[in-house]
Amino acid sequence: MHPVIDVNKIAHLARLKISESEVSTYQKQMNDILQYFEQISAVDTKGIEPMVTPSEIELVFRDDNKEECQSVEQALQNAPERMGNLFKVPPVV
């Protein structure tokens, strides 16, 4: 059996204002969540290897190849505005 959840304390810690009518709704939802975790905890996982990800997809990486890169002039040739060897962009706040 799981402990009784103090919804008002949790709401206070989370800086939430909840009405008295919402307390019972949240109490039920939190109890449902705890019951679900109890079900998960009850699953026998002995002999099962831990997983990093739930999918069995294997990532395929390409080899790193050294390639010729653009010159500064080539990179900036289509820039609408530049400041020396840099792209000039509008200020963002």
PDB file of N, CA and C in Angstrom:
ATOM      1  N   MET A   1       0.850  -1.185   0.000  1.00  0.00           N
ATOM      2  CA  MET A   1       0.000   0.000   0.000  1.00  0.00           C
ATOM      3  C   MET A   1       0.887   1.237   0.000  1.00  0.00           C
ATOM      4  N   HIS A   2       0.548   2.200  -0.762  1.00  0.00           N
ATOM      5  CA  HIS A   2       1.346   3.411  -0.864  1.00  0.00           C
ATOM      6  C   HIS A   2       0.899   4.438   0.177  1.00  0.00           C
ATOM      7  N   PRO A   3       1.788   5.374   0.505  1.00  0.00           N
ATOM      8  CA  PRO A   3       1.455   6.384   1.513  1.00  0.00           C
ATOM      9  C   PRO A   3       0.386   7.353   1.006  1.00  0.00           C
ATOM     10  N   VAL A   4      -0.270   8.020   1.948  1.00  0.00           N
ATOM     11  CA  VAL A   4      -1.282   9.017   1.602  1.00  0.00           C
ATOM     12  C   VAL A   4      -0.570  10.255   1.068  1.00  0.00           C
ATOM     13  N   ILE A   5      -1.067  10.773  -0.032  1.00  0.00           N
ATOM     14  CA  ILE A   5      -0.459  11.940  -0.668  1.00  0.00           C
ATOM     15  C   ILE A   5      -1.142  13.199  -0.152  1.00  0.00           C
ATOM     16  N   ASP A   6      -0.328  14.144   0.315  1.00  0.00           N
ATOM     17  CA  ASP A   6      -0.860  15.431   0.760  1.00  0.00           C
ATOM     18  C   ASP A   6      -0.865  16.376  -0.440  1.00  0.00           C
ATOM     19  N   VAL A   7      -1.986  16.437  -1.132  1.00  0.00           N
ATOM     20  CA  VAL A   7      -2.111  17.229  -2.357  1.00  0.00           C
ATOM     21  C   VAL A   7      -1.867  18.708  -2.079  1.00  0.00           C
ATOM     22  N   ASN A   8      -2.362  19.202  -0.960  1.00  0.00           N
ATOM     23  CA  ASN A   8      -2.167  20.619  -0.631  1.00  0.00           C
ATOM     24  C   ASN A   8      -0.690  20.951  -0.440  1.00  0.00           C
ATOM     25  N   LYS A   9       0.061  20.035   0.186  1.00  0.00           N
ATOM     26  CA  LYS A   9       1.493  20.269   0.384  1.00  0.00           C
ATOM     27  C   LYS A   9       2.225  20.272  -0.959  1.00  0.00           C
ATOM     28  N   ILE A  10       1.882  19.316  -1.817  1.00  0.00           N
ATOM     29  CA  ILE A  10       2.512  19.256  -3.140  1.00  0.00           C
ATOM     30  C   ILE A  10       2.185  20.516  -3.937  1.00  0.00           C
ATOM     31  N   ALA A  11       0.938  20.954  -3.885  1.00  0.00           N
ATOM     32  CA  ALA A  11       0.543  22.180  -4.588  1.00  0.00           C
ATOM     33  C   ALA A  11       1.316  23.373  -4.044  1.00  0.00           C
ATOM     34  N   HIS A  12       1.484  23.428  -2.730  1.00  0.00           N
ATOM     35  CA  HIS A  12       2.236  24.533  -2.123  1.00  0.00           C
ATOM     36  C   HIS A  12       3.693  24.512  -2.584  1.00  0.00           C
ATOM     37  N   LEU A  13       4.313  23.340  -2.562  1.00  0.00           N
ATOM     38  CA  LEU A  13       5.714  23.224  -2.990  1.00  0.00           C
ATOM     39  C   LEU A  13       5.893  23.581  -4.462  1.00  0.00           C
ATOM     40  N   ALA A  14       4.874  23.277  -5.270  1.00  0.00           N
ATOM     41  CA  ALA A  14       4.928  23.576  -6.703  1.00  0.00           C
ATOM     42  C   ALA A  14       4.432  24.982  -7.007  1.00  0.00           C
ATOM     43  N   ARG A  15       4.098  25.719  -5.958  1.00  0.00           N
ATOM     44  CA  ARG A  15       3.588  27.094  -6.101  1.00  0.00           C
ATOM     45  C   ARG A  15       2.321  27.125  -6.956  1.00  0.00           C
ATOM     46  N   LEU A  16       1.442  26.140  -6.726  1.00  0.00           N
ATOM     47  CA  LEU A  16       0.173  26.068  -7.445  1.00  0.00           C
ATOM     48  C   LEU A  16      -0.961  26.407  -6.494  1.00  0.00           C
ATOM     49  N   LYS A  17      -1.946  27.087  -7.004  1.00  0.00           N
ATOM     50  CA  LYS A  17      -3.136  27.376  -6.218  1.00  0.00           C
ATOM     51  C   LYS A  17      -4.249  26.483  -6.753  1.00  0.00           C
ATOM     52  N   ILE A  18      -4.723  25.581  -5.906  1.00  0.00           N
ATOM     53  CA  ILE A  18      -5.808  24.695  -6.326  1.00  0.00           C
ATOM     54  C   ILE A  18      -6.990  24.878  -5.379  1.00  0.00           C
ATOM     55  N   SER A  19      -8.162  24.702  -5.928  1.00  0.00           N
ATOM     56  CA  SER A  19      -9.376  24.847  -5.118  1.00  0.00           C
ATOM     57  C   SER A  19      -9.633  23.556  -4.349  1.00  0.00           C
ATOM     58  N   GLU A  20     -10.479  23.640  -3.346  1.00  0.00           N
ATOM     59  CA  GLU A  20     -10.828  22.458  -2.555  1.00  0.00           C
ATOM     60  C   GLU A  20     -11.498  21.389  -3.416  1.00  0.00           C
ATOM     61  N   SER A  21     -12.234  21.830  -4.437  1.00  0.00           N
ATOM     62  CA  SER A  21     -12.894  20.853  -5.310  1.00  0.00           C
ATOM     63  C   SER A  21     -11.882  20.090  -6.172  1.00  0.00           C
ATOM     64  N   GLU A  22     -10.724  20.692  -6.415  1.00  0.00           N
ATOM     65  CA  GLU A  22      -9.698  20.031  -7.230  1.00  0.00           C
ATOM     66  C   GLU A  22      -8.870  19.041  -6.421  1.00  0.00           C
ATOM     67  N   VAL A  23      -8.842  19.208  -5.103  1.00  0.00           N
ATOM     68  CA  VAL A  23      -8.005  18.356  -4.259  1.00  0.00           C
ATOM     69  C   VAL A  23      -8.346  16.882  -4.448  1.00  0.00           C
ATOM     70  N   SER A  24      -9.630  16.538  -4.425  1.00  0.00           N
ATOM     71  CA  SER A  24     -10.009  15.123  -4.552  1.00  0.00           C
ATOM     72  C   SER A  24      -9.674  14.578  -5.941  1.00  0.00           C
ATOM     73  N   THR A  25      -9.817  15.427  -6.965  1.00  0.00           N
ATOM     74  CA  THR A  25      -9.469  14.999  -8.326  1.00  0.00           C
ATOM     75  C   THR A  25      -7.983  14.683  -8.420  1.00  0.00           C
ATOM     76  N   TYR A  26      -7.150  15.601  -7.904  1.00  0.00           N
ATOM     77  CA  TYR A  26      -5.706  15.381  -7.950  1.00  0.00           C
ATOM     78  C   TYR A  26      -5.293  14.224  -7.048  1.00  0.00           C
ATOM     79  N   GLN A  27      -5.974  14.059  -5.930  1.00  0.00           N
ATOM     80  CA  GLN A  27      -5.677  12.945  -5.026  1.00  0.00           C
ATOM     81  C   GLN A  27      -5.869  11.617  -5.760  1.00  0.00           C
ATOM     82  N   LYS A  28      -6.975  11.476  -6.480  1.00  0.00           N
ATOM     83  CA  LYS A  28      -7.254  10.250  -7.227  1.00  0.00           C
ATOM     84  C   LYS A  28      -6.222  10.038  -8.330  1.00  0.00           C
ATOM     85  N   GLN A  29      -5.894  11.113  -9.062  1.00  0.00           N
ATOM     86  CA  GLN A  29      -4.931  10.985 -10.154  1.00  0.00           C
ATOM     87  C   GLN A  29      -3.559  10.570  -9.632  1.00  0.00           C
ATOM     88  N   MET A  30      -3.129  11.154  -8.512  1.00  0.00           N
ATOM     89  CA  MET A  30      -1.822  10.801  -7.952  1.00  0.00           C
ATOM     90  C   MET A  30      -1.825   9.376  -7.414  1.00  0.00           C
ATOM     91  N   ASN A  31      -2.921   8.957  -6.815  1.00  0.00           N
ATOM     92  CA  ASN A  31      -3.024   7.567  -6.354  1.00  0.00           C
ATOM     93  C   ASN A  31      -2.980   6.599  -7.532  1.00  0.00           C
ATOM     94  N   ASP A  32      -3.641   6.956  -8.630  1.00  0.00           N
ATOM     95  CA  ASP A  32      -3.594   6.117  -9.836  1.00  0.00           C
ATOM     96  C   ASP A  32      -2.167   5.987 -10.353  1.00  0.00           C
ATOM     97  N   ILE A  33      -1.429   7.095 -10.331  1.00  0.00           N
ATOM     98  CA  ILE A  33      -0.031   7.077 -10.785  1.00  0.00           C
ATOM     99  C   ILE A  33       0.795   6.163  -9.890  1.00  0.00           C
ATOM    100  N   LEU A  34       0.620   6.285  -8.576  1.00  0.00           N
ATOM    101  CA  LEU A  34       1.372   5.430  -7.654  1.00  0.00           C
ATOM    102  C   LEU A  34       1.019   3.955  -7.835  1.00  0.00           C
ATOM    103  N   GLN A  35      -0.249   3.659  -8.079  1.00  0.00           N
ATOM    104  CA  GLN A  35      -0.648   2.269  -8.321  1.00  0.00           C
ATOM    105  C   GLN A  35       0.009   1.728  -9.588  1.00  0.00           C
ATOM    106  N   TYR A  36       0.107   2.570 -10.596  1.00  0.00           N
ATOM    107  CA  TYR A  36       0.760   2.148 -11.834  1.00  0.00           C
ATOM    108  C   TYR A  36       2.242   1.846 -11.579  1.00  0.00           C
ATOM    109  N   PHE A  37       2.907   2.701 -10.788  1.00  0.00           N
ATOM    110  CA  PHE A  37       4.311   2.448 -10.461  1.00  0.00           C
ATOM    111  C   PHE A  37       4.462   1.176  -9.628  1.00  0.00           C
ATOM    112  N   GLU A  38       3.500   0.896  -8.765  1.00  0.00           N
ATOM    113  CA  GLU A  38       3.544  -0.350  -8.000  1.00  0.00           C
ATOM    114  C   GLU A  38       3.452  -1.549  -8.933  1.00  0.00           C
ATOM    115  N   GLN A  39       2.620  -1.460  -9.963  1.00  0.00           N
ATOM    116  CA  GLN A  39       2.511  -2.549 -10.943  1.00  0.00           C
ATOM    117  C   GLN A  39       3.835  -2.736 -11.673  1.00  0.00           C
ATOM    118  N   ILE A  40       4.449  -1.629 -12.061  1.00  0.00           N
ATOM    119  CA  ILE A  40       5.734  -1.706 -12.768  1.00  0.00           C
ATOM    120  C   ILE A  40       6.801  -2.302 -11.854  1.00  0.00           C
ATOM    121  N   SER A  41       6.817  -1.894 -10.589  1.00  0.00           N
ATOM    122  CA  SER A  41       7.810  -2.401  -9.641  1.00  0.00           C
ATOM    123  C   SER A  41       7.636  -3.889  -9.370  1.00  0.00           C
ATOM    124  N   ALA A  42       6.423  -4.391  -9.515  1.00  0.00           N
ATOM    125  CA  ALA A  42       6.148  -5.800  -9.236  1.00  0.00           C
ATOM    126  C   ALA A  42       6.596  -6.727 -10.367  1.00  0.00           C
ATOM    127  N   VAL A  43       6.939  -6.196 -11.513  1.00  0.00           N
ATOM    128  CA  VAL A  43       7.350  -7.025 -12.649  1.00  0.00           C
ATOM    129  C   VAL A  43       8.705  -7.665 -12.346  1.00  0.00           C
ATOM    130  N   ASP A  44       8.799  -8.973 -12.565  1.00  0.00           N
ATOM    131  CA  ASP A  44      10.043  -9.704 -12.333  1.00  0.00           C
ATOM    132  C   ASP A  44      10.996  -9.449 -13.497  1.00  0.00           C
ATOM    133  N   THR A  45      12.100  -8.791 -13.215  1.00  0.00           N
ATOM    134  CA  THR A  45      13.067  -8.461 -14.268  1.00  0.00           C
ATOM    135  C   THR A  45      14.382  -9.219 -14.095  1.00  0.00           C
ATOM    136  N   LYS A  46      14.377 -10.254 -13.264  1.00  0.00           N
ATOM    137  CA  LYS A  46      15.608 -11.038 -13.077  1.00  0.00           C
ATOM    138  C   LYS A  46      15.977 -11.706 -14.392  1.00  0.00           C
ATOM    139  N   GLY A  47      17.243 -11.633 -14.742  1.00  0.00           N
ATOM    140  CA  GLY A  47      17.715 -12.265 -15.966  1.00  0.00           C
ATOM    141  C   GLY A  47      17.494 -11.435 -17.214  1.00  0.00           C
ATOM    142  N   ILE A  48      16.961 -10.243 -17.073  1.00  0.00           N
ATOM    143  CA  ILE A  48      16.741  -9.372 -18.231  1.00  0.00           C
ATOM    144  C   ILE A  48      17.804  -8.281 -18.214  1.00  0.00           C
ATOM    145  N   GLU A  49      18.511  -8.171 -19.323  1.00  0.00           N
ATOM    146  CA  GLU A  49      19.561  -7.163 -19.426  1.00  0.00           C
ATOM    147  C   GLU A  49      18.961  -5.759 -19.447  1.00  0.00           C
ATOM    148  N   PRO A  50      19.569  -4.816 -18.733  1.00  0.00           N
ATOM    149  CA  PRO A  50      19.091  -3.428 -18.798  1.00  0.00           C
ATOM    150  C   PRO A  50      19.240  -2.880 -20.211  1.00  0.00           C
ATOM    151  N   MET A  51      18.326  -2.002 -20.584  1.00  0.00           N
ATOM    152  CA  MET A  51      18.352  -1.420 -21.929  1.00  0.00           C
ATOM    153  C   MET A  51      18.643   0.071 -21.836  1.00  0.00           C
ATOM    154  N   VAL A  52      19.383   0.570 -22.800  1.00  0.00           N
ATOM    155  CA  VAL A  52      19.630   2.000 -22.892  1.00  0.00           C
ATOM    156  C   VAL A  52      18.441   2.678 -23.550  1.00  0.00           C
ATOM    157  N   THR A  53      17.839   1.988 -24.497  1.00  0.00           N
ATOM    158  CA  THR A  53      16.695   2.518 -25.232  1.00  0.00           C
ATOM    159  C   THR A  53      15.683   1.397 -25.438  1.00  0.00           C
ATOM    160  N   PRO A  54      14.405   1.702 -25.495  1.00  0.00           N
ATOM    161  CA  PRO A  54      13.421   0.643 -25.674  1.00  0.00           C
ATOM    162  C   PRO A  54      13.369   0.067 -27.087  1.00  0.00           C
ATOM    163  N   SER A  55      13.986   0.727 -28.047  1.00  0.00           N
ATOM    164  CA  SER A  55      13.953   0.218 -29.418  1.00  0.00           C
ATOM    165  C   SER A  55      15.254  -0.509 -29.735  1.00  0.00           C
ATOM    166  N   GLU A  56      15.181  -1.376 -30.695  1.00  0.00           N
ATOM    167  CA  GLU A  56      16.340  -2.175 -31.088  1.00  0.00           C
ATOM    168  C   GLU A  56      17.031  -1.591 -32.317  1.00  0.00           C
ATOM    169  N   ILE A  57      16.787  -0.332 -32.599  1.00  0.00           N
ATOM    170  CA  ILE A  57      17.362   0.300 -33.786  1.00  0.00           C
ATOM    171  C   ILE A  57      18.856   0.520 -33.561  1.00  0.00           C
ATOM    172  N   GLU A  58      19.639   0.131 -34.553  1.00  0.00           N
ATOM    173  CA  GLU A  58      21.076   0.331 -34.472  1.00  0.00           C
ATOM    174  C   GLU A  58      21.444   1.534 -35.328  1.00  0.00           C
ATOM    175  N   LEU A  59      22.155   2.464 -34.735  1.00  0.00           N
ATOM    176  CA  LEU A  59      22.555   3.656 -35.468  1.00  0.00           C
ATOM    177  C   LEU A  59      23.737   3.333 -36.377  1.00  0.00           C
ATOM    178  N   VAL A  60      23.667   3.827 -37.584  1.00  0.00           N
ATOM    179  CA  VAL A  60      24.745   3.618 -38.541  1.00  0.00           C
ATOM    180  C   VAL A  60      25.403   4.967 -38.788  1.00  0.00           C
ATOM    181  N   PHE A  61      26.679   5.034 -38.533  1.00  0.00           N
ATOM    182  CA  PHE A  61      27.417   6.276 -38.719  1.00  0.00           C
ATOM    183  C   PHE A  61      28.282   6.173 -39.963  1.00  0.00           C
ATOM    184  N   ARG A  62      28.462   7.293 -40.621  1.00  0.00           N
ATOM    185  CA  ARG A  62      29.353   7.318 -41.775  1.00  0.00           C
ATOM    186  C   ARG A  62      30.771   7.579 -41.288  1.00  0.00           C
ATOM    187  N   ASP A  63      31.728   7.195 -42.090  1.00  0.00           N
ATOM    188  CA  ASP A  63      33.119   7.466 -41.757  1.00  0.00           C
ATOM    189  C   ASP A  63      33.390   8.955 -41.894  1.00  0.00           C
ATOM    190  N   ASP A  64      34.231   9.465 -41.017  1.00  0.00           N
ATOM    191  CA  ASP A  64      34.645  10.857 -41.136  1.00  0.00           C
ATOM    192  C   ASP A  64      35.671  10.961 -42.255  1.00  0.00           C
ATOM    193  N   ASN A  65      35.392  11.845 -43.186  1.00  0.00           N
ATOM    194  CA  ASN A  65      36.312  12.071 -44.289  1.00  0.00           C
ATOM    195  C   ASN A  65      36.742  13.523 -44.284  1.00  0.00           C
ATOM    196  N   LYS A  66      38.020  13.726 -44.468  1.00  0.00           N
ATOM    197  CA  LYS A  66      38.530  15.081 -44.542  1.00  0.00           C
ATOM    198  C   LYS A  66      38.213  15.614 -45.934  1.00  0.00           C
ATOM    199  N   GLU A  67      37.513  16.745 -45.973  1.00  0.00           N
ATOM    200  CA  GLU A  67      37.135  17.347 -47.246  1.00  0.00           C
ATOM    201  C   GLU A  67      37.567  18.802 -47.275  1.00  0.00           C
ATOM    202  N   GLU A  68      37.719  19.303 -48.470  1.00  0.00           N
ATOM    203  CA  GLU A  68      38.060  20.711 -48.661  1.00  0.00           C
ATOM    204  C   GLU A  68      36.855  21.550 -48.253  1.00  0.00           C
ATOM    205  N   CYS A  69      37.074  22.584 -47.472  1.00  0.00           N
ATOM    206  CA  CYS A  69      35.957  23.431 -47.059  1.00  0.00           C
ATOM    207  C   CYS A  69      35.976  24.745 -47.843  1.00  0.00           C
ATOM    208  N   GLN A  70      34.874  25.477 -47.739  1.00  0.00           N
ATOM    209  CA  GLN A  70      34.755  26.746 -48.451  1.00  0.00           C
ATOM    210  C   GLN A  70      35.697  27.786 -47.847  1.00  0.00           C
ATOM    211  N   SER A  71      36.108  28.702 -48.695  1.00  0.00           N
ATOM    212  CA  SER A  71      36.878  29.833 -48.184  1.00  0.00           C
ATOM    213  C   SER A  71      35.905  30.800 -47.522  1.00  0.00           C
ATOM    214  N   VAL A  72      36.422  31.735 -46.761  1.00  0.00           N
ATOM    215  CA  VAL A  72      35.586  32.744 -46.108  1.00  0.00           C
ATOM    216  C   VAL A  72      34.813  33.519 -47.163  1.00  0.00           C
ATOM    217  N   GLU A  73      35.464  33.870 -48.252  1.00  0.00           N
ATOM    218  CA  GLU A  73      34.794  34.634 -49.319  1.00  0.00           C
ATOM    219  C   GLU A  73      33.652  33.835 -49.937  1.00  0.00           C
ATOM    220  N   GLN A  74      33.866  32.545 -50.176  1.00  0.00           N
ATOM    221  CA  GLN A  74      32.799  31.714 -50.744  1.00  0.00           C
ATOM    222  C   GLN A  74      31.618  31.606 -49.779  1.00  0.00           C
ATOM    223  N   ALA A  75      31.911  31.463 -48.505  1.00  0.00           N
ATOM    224  CA  ALA A  75      30.836  31.328 -47.520  1.00  0.00           C
ATOM    225  C   ALA A  75      30.025  32.612 -47.401  1.00  0.00           C
ATOM    226  N   LEU A  76      30.680  33.755 -47.560  1.00  0.00           N
ATOM    227  CA  LEU A  76      30.002  35.041 -47.377  1.00  0.00           C
ATOM    228  C   LEU A  76      29.483  35.655 -48.672  1.00  0.00           C
ATOM    229  N   GLN A  77      29.685  35.007 -49.807  1.00  0.00           N
ATOM    230  CA  GLN A  77      29.335  35.629 -51.082  1.00  0.00           C
ATOM    231  C   GLN A  77      27.839  35.912 -51.220  1.00  0.00           C
ATOM    232  N   ASN A  78      26.972  35.123 -50.610  1.00  0.00           N
ATOM    233  CA  ASN A  78      25.528  35.353 -50.700  1.00  0.00           C
ATOM    234  C   ASN A  78      24.946  35.998 -49.447  1.00  0.00           C
ATOM    235  N   ALA A  79      25.802  36.440 -48.553  1.00  0.00           N
ATOM    236  CA  ALA A  79      25.310  37.077 -47.327  1.00  0.00           C
ATOM    237  C   ALA A  79      24.663  38.409 -47.675  1.00  0.00           C
ATOM    238  N   PRO A  80      23.446  38.665 -47.182  1.00  0.00           N
ATOM    239  CA  PRO A  80      22.798  39.944 -47.471  1.00  0.00           C
ATOM    240  C   PRO A  80      23.580  41.120 -46.893  1.00  0.00           C
ATOM    241  N   GLU A  81      24.231  40.879 -45.764  1.00  0.00           N
ATOM    242  CA  GLU A  81      25.019  41.945 -45.148  1.00  0.00           C
ATOM    243  C   GLU A  81      26.160  41.294 -44.379  1.00  0.00           C
ATOM    244  N   ARG A  82      27.304  41.917 -44.417  1.00  0.00           N
ATOM    245  CA  ARG A  82      28.442  41.382 -43.694  1.00  0.00           C
ATOM    246  C   ARG A  82      29.179  42.483 -42.963  1.00  0.00           C
ATOM    247  N   MET A  83      29.935  42.069 -41.963  1.00  0.00           N
ATOM    248  CA  MET A  83      30.748  42.992 -41.193  1.00  0.00           C
ATOM    249  C   MET A  83      32.145  42.377 -41.153  1.00  0.00           C
ATOM    250  N   GLY A  84      33.005  42.824 -42.036  1.00  0.00           N
ATOM    251  CA  GLY A  84      34.320  42.216 -42.161  1.00  0.00           C
ATOM    252  C   GLY A  84      34.176  40.804 -42.689  1.00  0.00           C
ATOM    253  N   ASN A  85      34.700  39.836 -41.954  1.00  0.00           N
ATOM    254  CA  ASN A  85      34.601  38.431 -42.346  1.00  0.00           C
ATOM    255  C   ASN A  85      33.481  37.702 -41.598  1.00  0.00           C
ATOM    256  N   LEU A  86      32.450  38.431 -41.181  1.00  0.00           N
ATOM    257  CA  LEU A  86      31.353  37.842 -40.419  1.00  0.00           C
ATOM    258  C   LEU A  86      30.018  38.133 -41.076  1.00  0.00           C
ATOM    259  N   PHE A  87      29.035  37.251 -40.843  1.00  0.00           N
ATOM    260  CA  PHE A  87      27.662  37.537 -41.246  1.00  0.00           C
ATOM    261  C   PHE A  87      27.122  38.599 -40.297  1.00  0.00           C
ATOM    262  N   LYS A  88      26.458  39.615 -40.833  1.00  0.00           N
ATOM    263  CA  LYS A  88      25.819  40.612 -39.978  1.00  0.00           C
ATOM    264  C   LYS A  88      24.336  40.282 -39.942  1.00  0.00           C
ATOM    265  N   VAL A  89      23.813  40.116 -38.731  1.00  0.00           N
ATOM    266  CA  VAL A  89      22.404  39.765 -38.553  1.00  0.00           C
ATOM    267  C   VAL A  89      21.741  40.797 -37.654  1.00  0.00           C
ATOM    268  N   PRO A  90      20.411  40.912 -37.749  1.00  0.00           N
ATOM    269  CA  PRO A  90      19.722  41.857 -36.877  1.00  0.00           C
ATOM    270  C   PRO A  90      19.879  41.453 -35.406  1.00  0.00           C
ATOM    271  N   PRO A  91      19.895  42.435 -34.519  1.00  0.00           N
ATOM    272  CA  PRO A  91      20.005  42.098 -33.093  1.00  0.00           C
ATOM    273  C   PRO A  91      18.779  41.317 -32.620  1.00  0.00           C
ATOM    274  N   VAL A  92      19.015  40.375 -31.745  1.00  0.00           N
ATOM    275  CA  VAL A  92      17.936  39.561 -31.186  1.00  0.00           C
ATOM    276  C   VAL A  92      17.972  39.719 -29.674  1.00  0.00           C
ATOM    277  N   VAL A  93      16.823  40.030 -29.115  1.00  0.00           N
ATOM    278  CA  VAL A  93      16.769  40.221 -27.661  1.00  0.00           C
ATOM    279  C   VAL A  93      16.118  39.030 -27.025  1.00  0.00           C
TER     280      VAL A  93
END
